[in-house]
Amino acid sequence: MASGDRSKKEPCKKEACDIQSCLTKNNFLPQRCEKVIRALQSCCEQCEYNSTHCASVSGLLKQMPK
């Protein structure tokens, strides 16, 4: 399997990694990573949540200030 095929199978991996990196840099405060969390949410909506990386987005969104 080529690496290009893998990215189609696991969409939103980059966005999920960006969130992890942002949270690590910001003391695990989701409100400081709103931009990358919203990027993952957008990606998940585009792929109809057909990615293992989308499971965490709902929990992160619940932690965001309204």
PDB file of N, CA and C in Angstrom:
ATOM      1  N   MET A   1       0.835  -1.180   0.000  1.00  0.00           N
ATOM      2  CA  MET A   1       0.000   0.000   0.000  1.00  0.00           C
ATOM      3  C   MET A   1       0.882   1.246   0.000  1.00  0.00           C
ATOM      4  N   ALA A   2       0.616   2.136  -0.910  1.00  0.00           N
ATOM      5  CA  ALA A   2       1.387   3.380  -0.978  1.00  0.00           C
ATOM      6  C   ALA A   2       0.938   4.326   0.125  1.00  0.00           C
ATOM      7  N   SER A   3       1.809   5.232   0.520  1.00  0.00           N
ATOM      8  CA  SER A   3       1.470   6.153   1.603  1.00  0.00           C
ATOM      9  C   SER A   3       0.290   7.039   1.221  1.00  0.00           C
ATOM     10  N   GLY A   4       0.107   7.335  -0.051  1.00  0.00           N
ATOM     11  CA  GLY A   4      -1.032   8.124  -0.503  1.00  0.00           C
ATOM     12  C   GLY A   4      -2.344   7.415  -0.209  1.00  0.00           C
ATOM     13  N   ASP A   5      -2.359   6.084  -0.347  1.00  0.00           N
ATOM     14  CA  ASP A   5      -3.560   5.309  -0.056  1.00  0.00           C
ATOM     15  C   ASP A   5      -3.899   5.379   1.425  1.00  0.00           C
ATOM     16  N   ARG A   6      -2.907   5.366   2.256  1.00  0.00           N
ATOM     17  CA  ARG A   6      -3.140   5.369   3.698  1.00  0.00           C
ATOM     18  C   ARG A   6      -3.846   6.660   4.129  1.00  0.00           C
ATOM     19  N   SER A   7      -3.469   7.805   3.549  1.00  0.00           N
ATOM     20  CA  SER A   7      -4.082   9.058   3.966  1.00  0.00           C
ATOM     21  C   SER A   7      -5.569   9.092   3.610  1.00  0.00           C
ATOM     22  N   LYS A   8      -5.938   8.421   2.529  1.00  0.00           N
ATOM     23  CA  LYS A   8      -7.354   8.344   2.183  1.00  0.00           C
ATOM     24  C   LYS A   8      -8.095   7.453   3.178  1.00  0.00           C
ATOM     25  N   LYS A   9      -7.426   6.426   3.666  1.00  0.00           N
ATOM     26  CA  LYS A   9      -8.037   5.508   4.612  1.00  0.00           C
ATOM     27  C   LYS A   9      -8.170   6.154   6.000  1.00  0.00           C
ATOM     28  N   GLU A  10      -7.239   7.006   6.354  1.00  0.00           N
ATOM     29  CA  GLU A  10      -7.259   7.691   7.650  1.00  0.00           C
ATOM     30  C   GLU A  10      -7.276   9.207   7.458  1.00  0.00           C
ATOM     31  N   PRO A  11      -8.409   9.731   7.011  1.00  0.00           N
ATOM     32  CA  PRO A  11      -8.476  11.184   6.869  1.00  0.00           C
ATOM     33  C   PRO A  11      -8.386  11.849   8.237  1.00  0.00           C
ATOM     34  N   CYS A  12      -7.997  13.073   8.253  1.00  0.00           N
ATOM     35  CA  CYS A  12      -7.957  13.908   9.465  1.00  0.00           C
ATOM     36  C   CYS A  12      -6.812  13.575  10.424  1.00  0.00           C
ATOM     37  N   LYS A  13      -5.898  12.717  10.006  1.00  0.00           N
ATOM     38  CA  LYS A  13      -4.774  12.384  10.885  1.00  0.00           C
ATOM     39  C   LYS A  13      -3.923  13.620  11.164  1.00  0.00           C
ATOM     40  N   LYS A  14      -3.654  14.414  10.132  1.00  0.00           N
ATOM     41  CA  LYS A  14      -2.838  15.622  10.314  1.00  0.00           C
ATOM     42  C   LYS A  14      -3.491  16.553  11.325  1.00  0.00           C
ATOM     43  N   GLU A  15      -4.807  16.766  11.200  1.00  0.00           N
ATOM     44  CA  GLU A  15      -5.511  17.667  12.113  1.00  0.00           C
ATOM     45  C   GLU A  15      -5.464  17.147  13.546  1.00  0.00           C
ATOM     46  N   ALA A  16      -5.615  15.838  13.709  1.00  0.00           N
ATOM     47  CA  ALA A  16      -5.556  15.250  15.048  1.00  0.00           C
ATOM     48  C   ALA A  16      -4.155  15.428  15.651  1.00  0.00           C
ATOM     49  N   CYS A  17      -3.136  15.261  14.844  1.00  0.00           N
ATOM     50  CA  CYS A  17      -1.758  15.459  15.320  1.00  0.00           C
ATOM     51  C   CYS A  17      -1.515  16.923  15.673  1.00  0.00           C
ATOM     52  N   ASP A  18      -2.088  17.830  14.884  1.00  0.00           N
ATOM     53  CA  ASP A  18      -1.946  19.262  15.177  1.00  0.00           C
ATOM     54  C   ASP A  18      -2.570  19.593  16.525  1.00  0.00           C
ATOM     55  N   ILE A  19      -3.720  18.993  16.833  1.00  0.00           N
ATOM     56  CA  ILE A  19      -4.371  19.228  18.128  1.00  0.00           C
ATOM     57  C   ILE A  19      -3.480  18.732  19.253  1.00  0.00           C
ATOM     58  N   GLN A  20      -2.958  17.539  19.109  1.00  0.00           N
ATOM     59  CA  GLN A  20      -2.099  16.987  20.165  1.00  0.00           C
ATOM     60  C   GLN A  20      -0.904  17.895  20.410  1.00  0.00           C
ATOM     61  N   SER A  21      -0.304  18.371  19.348  1.00  0.00           N
ATOM     62  CA  SER A  21       0.838  19.268  19.467  1.00  0.00           C
ATOM     63  C   SER A  21       0.439  20.574  20.151  1.00  0.00           C
ATOM     64  N   CYS A  22      -0.687  21.137  19.743  1.00  0.00           N
ATOM     65  CA  CYS A  22      -1.162  22.391  20.329  1.00  0.00           C
ATOM     66  C   CYS A  22      -1.471  22.216  21.813  1.00  0.00           C
ATOM     67  N   LEU A  23      -2.163  21.146  22.158  1.00  0.00           N
ATOM     68  CA  LEU A  23      -2.509  20.911  23.564  1.00  0.00           C
ATOM     69  C   LEU A  23      -1.253  20.754  24.419  1.00  0.00           C
ATOM     70  N   THR A  24      -0.268  20.045  23.891  1.00  0.00           N
ATOM     71  CA  THR A  24       0.980  19.846  24.625  1.00  0.00           C
ATOM     72  C   THR A  24       1.659  21.184  24.902  1.00  0.00           C
ATOM     73  N   LYS A  25       1.672  22.065  23.888  1.00  0.00           N
ATOM     74  CA  LYS A  25       2.325  23.364  24.040  1.00  0.00           C
ATOM     75  C   LYS A  25       1.541  24.308  24.947  1.00  0.00           C
ATOM     76  N   ASN A  26       0.231  24.065  25.094  1.00  0.00           N
ATOM     77  CA  ASN A  26      -0.640  25.000  25.813  1.00  0.00           C
ATOM     78  C   ASN A  26      -1.223  24.412  27.093  1.00  0.00           C
ATOM     79  N   ASN A  27      -0.447  23.557  27.752  1.00  0.00           N
ATOM     80  CA  ASN A  27      -0.861  23.031  29.054  1.00  0.00           C
ATOM     81  C   ASN A  27      -2.194  22.289  29.009  1.00  0.00           C
ATOM     82  N   PHE A  28      -2.486  21.693  27.856  1.00  0.00           N
ATOM     83  CA  PHE A  28      -3.699  20.893  27.667  1.00  0.00           C
ATOM     84  C   PHE A  28      -4.979  21.684  27.912  1.00  0.00           C
ATOM     85  N   LEU A  29      -4.974  22.956  27.513  1.00  0.00           N
ATOM     86  CA  LEU A  29      -6.163  23.797  27.610  1.00  0.00           C
ATOM     87  C   LEU A  29      -6.804  23.894  26.221  1.00  0.00           C
ATOM     88  N   PRO A  30      -7.929  23.198  26.005  1.00  0.00           N
ATOM     89  CA  PRO A  30      -8.543  23.182  24.672  1.00  0.00           C
ATOM     90  C   PRO A  30      -8.913  24.567  24.153  1.00  0.00           C
ATOM     91  N   GLN A  31      -9.275  25.494  25.049  1.00  0.00           N
ATOM     92  CA  GLN A  31      -9.670  26.817  24.578  1.00  0.00           C
ATOM     93  C   GLN A  31      -8.530  27.550  23.874  1.00  0.00           C
ATOM     94  N   ARG A  32      -7.281  27.145  24.142  1.00  0.00           N
ATOM     95  CA  ARG A  32      -6.142  27.763  23.455  1.00  0.00           C
ATOM     96  C   ARG A  32      -5.885  27.131  22.087  1.00  0.00           C
ATOM     97  N   CYS A  33      -6.590  26.072  21.787  1.00  0.00           N
ATOM     98  CA  CYS A  33      -6.377  25.348  20.523  1.00  0.00           C
ATOM     99  C   CYS A  33      -7.646  25.321  19.674  1.00  0.00           C
ATOM    100  N   GLU A  34      -8.483  26.319  19.862  1.00  0.00           N
ATOM    101  CA  GLU A  34      -9.781  26.327  19.179  1.00  0.00           C
ATOM    102  C   GLU A  34      -9.635  26.211  17.665  1.00  0.00           C
ATOM    103  N   LYS A  35      -8.658  26.906  17.097  1.00  0.00           N
ATOM    104  CA  LYS A  35      -8.484  26.906  15.638  1.00  0.00           C
ATOM    105  C   LYS A  35      -8.213  25.494  15.110  1.00  0.00           C
ATOM    106  N   VAL A  36      -7.315  24.755  15.756  1.00  0.00           N
ATOM    107  CA  VAL A  36      -6.992  23.409  15.269  1.00  0.00           C
ATOM    108  C   VAL A  36      -8.114  22.418  15.585  1.00  0.00           C
ATOM    109  N   ILE A  37      -8.823  22.633  16.681  1.00  0.00           N
ATOM    110  CA  ILE A  37      -9.970  21.767  16.999  1.00  0.00           C
ATOM    111  C   ILE A  37     -11.059  21.961  15.954  1.00  0.00           C
ATOM    112  N   ARG A  38     -11.300  23.204  15.575  1.00  0.00           N
ATOM    113  CA  ARG A  38     -12.312  23.476  14.541  1.00  0.00           C
ATOM    114  C   ARG A  38     -11.870  22.901  13.189  1.00  0.00           C
ATOM    115  N   ALA A  39     -10.571  22.893  12.922  1.00  0.00           N
ATOM    116  CA  ALA A  39     -10.067  22.304  11.672  1.00  0.00           C
ATOM    117  C   ALA A  39     -10.355  20.804  11.647  1.00  0.00           C
ATOM    118  N   LEU A  40     -10.166  20.135  12.789  1.00  0.00           N
ATOM    119  CA  LEU A  40     -10.476  18.697  12.854  1.00  0.00           C
ATOM    120  C   LEU A  40     -11.972  18.490  12.695  1.00  0.00           C
ATOM    121  N   GLN A  41     -12.776  19.312  13.330  1.00  0.00           N
ATOM    122  CA  GLN A  41     -14.223  19.178  13.203  1.00  0.00           C
ATOM    123  C   GLN A  41     -14.643  19.320  11.742  1.00  0.00           C
ATOM    124  N   SER A  42     -14.081  20.292  11.060  1.00  0.00           N
ATOM    125  CA  SER A  42     -14.390  20.510   9.653  1.00  0.00           C
ATOM    126  C   SER A  42     -13.982  19.308   8.809  1.00  0.00           C
ATOM    127  N   CYS A  43     -12.790  18.769   9.070  1.00  0.00           N
ATOM    128  CA  CYS A  43     -12.320  17.594   8.343  1.00  0.00           C
ATOM    129  C   CYS A  43     -13.255  16.409   8.571  1.00  0.00           C
ATOM    130  N   CYS A  44     -13.659  16.226   9.814  1.00  0.00           N
ATOM    131  CA  CYS A  44     -14.538  15.098  10.147  1.00  0.00           C
ATOM    132  C   CYS A  44     -15.894  15.246   9.465  1.00  0.00           C
ATOM    133  N   GLU A  45     -16.390  16.466   9.399  1.00  0.00           N
ATOM    134  CA  GLU A  45     -17.656  16.691   8.709  1.00  0.00           C
ATOM    135  C   GLU A  45     -17.513  16.361   7.224  1.00  0.00           C
ATOM    136  N   GLN A  46     -16.381  16.734   6.637  1.00  0.00           N
ATOM    137  CA  GLN A  46     -16.157  16.484   5.208  1.00  0.00           C
ATOM    138  C   GLN A  46     -16.059  14.993   4.901  1.00  0.00           C
ATOM    139  N   CYS A  47     -15.490  14.213   5.818  1.00  0.00           N
ATOM    140  CA  CYS A  47     -15.345  12.772   5.570  1.00  0.00           C
ATOM    141  C   CYS A  47     -16.464  11.985   6.260  1.00  0.00           C
ATOM    142  N   GLU A  48     -17.499  12.709   6.715  1.00  0.00           N
ATOM    143  CA  GLU A  48     -18.656  12.094   7.379  1.00  0.00           C
ATOM    144  C   GLU A  48     -18.236  11.264   8.587  1.00  0.00           C
ATOM    145  N   TYR A  49     -17.274  11.771   9.329  1.00  0.00           N
ATOM    146  CA  TYR A  49     -16.765  11.141  10.556  1.00  0.00           C
ATOM    147  C   TYR A  49     -16.248   9.723  10.317  1.00  0.00           C
ATOM    148  N   ASN A  50     -15.805   9.465   9.090  1.00  0.00           N
ATOM    149  CA  ASN A  50     -15.304   8.150   8.720  1.00  0.00           C
ATOM    150  C   ASN A  50     -13.793   8.087   8.941  1.00  0.00           C
ATOM    151  N   SER A  51     -13.377   8.407  10.170  1.00  0.00           N
ATOM    152  CA  SER A  51     -11.967   8.372  10.543  1.00  0.00           C
ATOM    153  C   SER A  51     -11.865   8.102  12.031  1.00  0.00           C
ATOM    154  N   THR A  52     -10.911   7.280  12.415  1.00  0.00           N
ATOM    155  CA  THR A  52     -10.728   6.997  13.843  1.00  0.00           C
ATOM    156  C   THR A  52     -10.344   8.266  14.596  1.00  0.00           C
ATOM    157  N   HIS A  53      -9.810   9.258  13.899  1.00  0.00           N
ATOM    158  CA  HIS A  53      -9.375  10.498  14.545  1.00  0.00           C
ATOM    159  C   HIS A  53     -10.534  11.411  14.906  1.00  0.00           C
ATOM    160  N   CYS A  54     -11.720  11.098  14.423  1.00  0.00           N
ATOM    161  CA  CYS A  54     -12.880  11.953  14.691  1.00  0.00           C
ATOM    162  C   CYS A  54     -13.551  11.624  16.021  1.00  0.00           C
ATOM    163  N   ALA A  55     -13.223  10.510  16.617  1.00  0.00           N
ATOM    164  CA  ALA A  55     -13.857  10.131  17.877  1.00  0.00           C
ATOM    165  C   ALA A  55     -13.571  11.149  18.974  1.00  0.00           C
ATOM    166  N   SER A  56     -12.395  11.753  18.958  1.00  0.00           N
ATOM    167  CA  SER A  56     -12.012  12.676  20.030  1.00  0.00           C
ATOM    168  C   SER A  56     -12.574  14.077  19.854  1.00  0.00           C
ATOM    169  N   VAL A  57     -13.026  14.430  18.668  1.00  0.00           N
ATOM    170  CA  VAL A  57     -13.425  15.816  18.424  1.00  0.00           C
ATOM    171  C   VAL A  57     -14.649  16.207  19.243  1.00  0.00           C
ATOM    172  N   SER A  58     -15.606  15.316  19.437  1.00  0.00           N
ATOM    173  CA  SER A  58     -16.803  15.692  20.187  1.00  0.00           C
ATOM    174  C   SER A  58     -16.470  16.003  21.640  1.00  0.00           C
ATOM    175  N   GLY A  59     -15.575  15.243  22.240  1.00  0.00           N
ATOM    176  CA  GLY A  59     -15.156  15.506  23.612  1.00  0.00           C
ATOM    177  C   GLY A  59     -14.431  16.836  23.735  1.00  0.00           C
ATOM    178  N   LEU A  60     -13.598  17.138  22.748  1.00  0.00           N
ATOM    179  CA  LEU A  60     -12.881  18.427  22.767  1.00  0.00           C
ATOM    180  C   LEU A  60     -13.830  19.602  22.593  1.00  0.00           C
ATOM    181  N   LEU A  61     -14.829  19.426  21.731  1.00  0.00           N
ATOM    182  CA  LEU A  61     -15.772  20.512  21.504  1.00  0.00           C
ATOM    183  C   LEU A  61     -16.594  20.802  22.762  1.00  0.00           C
ATOM    184  N   LYS A  62     -16.894  19.772  23.526  1.00  0.00           N
ATOM    185  CA  LYS A  62     -17.647  19.969  24.766  1.00  0.00           C
ATOM    186  C   LYS A  62     -16.859  20.790  25.792  1.00  0.00           C
ATOM    187  N   GLN A  63     -15.524  20.751  25.695  1.00  0.00           N
ATOM    188  CA  GLN A  63     -14.677  21.490  26.626  1.00  0.00           C
ATOM    189  C   GLN A  63     -14.470  22.944  26.202  1.00  0.00           C
ATOM    190  N   MET A  64     -14.899  23.279  25.005  1.00  0.00           N
ATOM    191  CA  MET A  64     -14.694  24.627  24.496  1.00  0.00           C
ATOM    192  C   MET A  64     -15.702  25.584  25.142  1.00  0.00           C
ATOM    193  N   PRO A  65     -15.272  26.805  25.439  1.00  0.00           N
ATOM    194  CA  PRO A  65     -16.221  27.799  25.960  1.00  0.00           C
ATOM    195  C   PRO A  65     -17.246  28.141  24.897  1.00  0.00           C
ATOM    196  N   LYS A  66     -18.455  28.362  25.301  1.00  0.00           N
ATOM    197  CA  LYS A  66     -19.518  28.653  24.339  1.00  0.00           C
ATOM    198  C   LYS A  66     -19.643  30.134  24.086  1.00  0.00           C
TER     199      LYS A  66
END
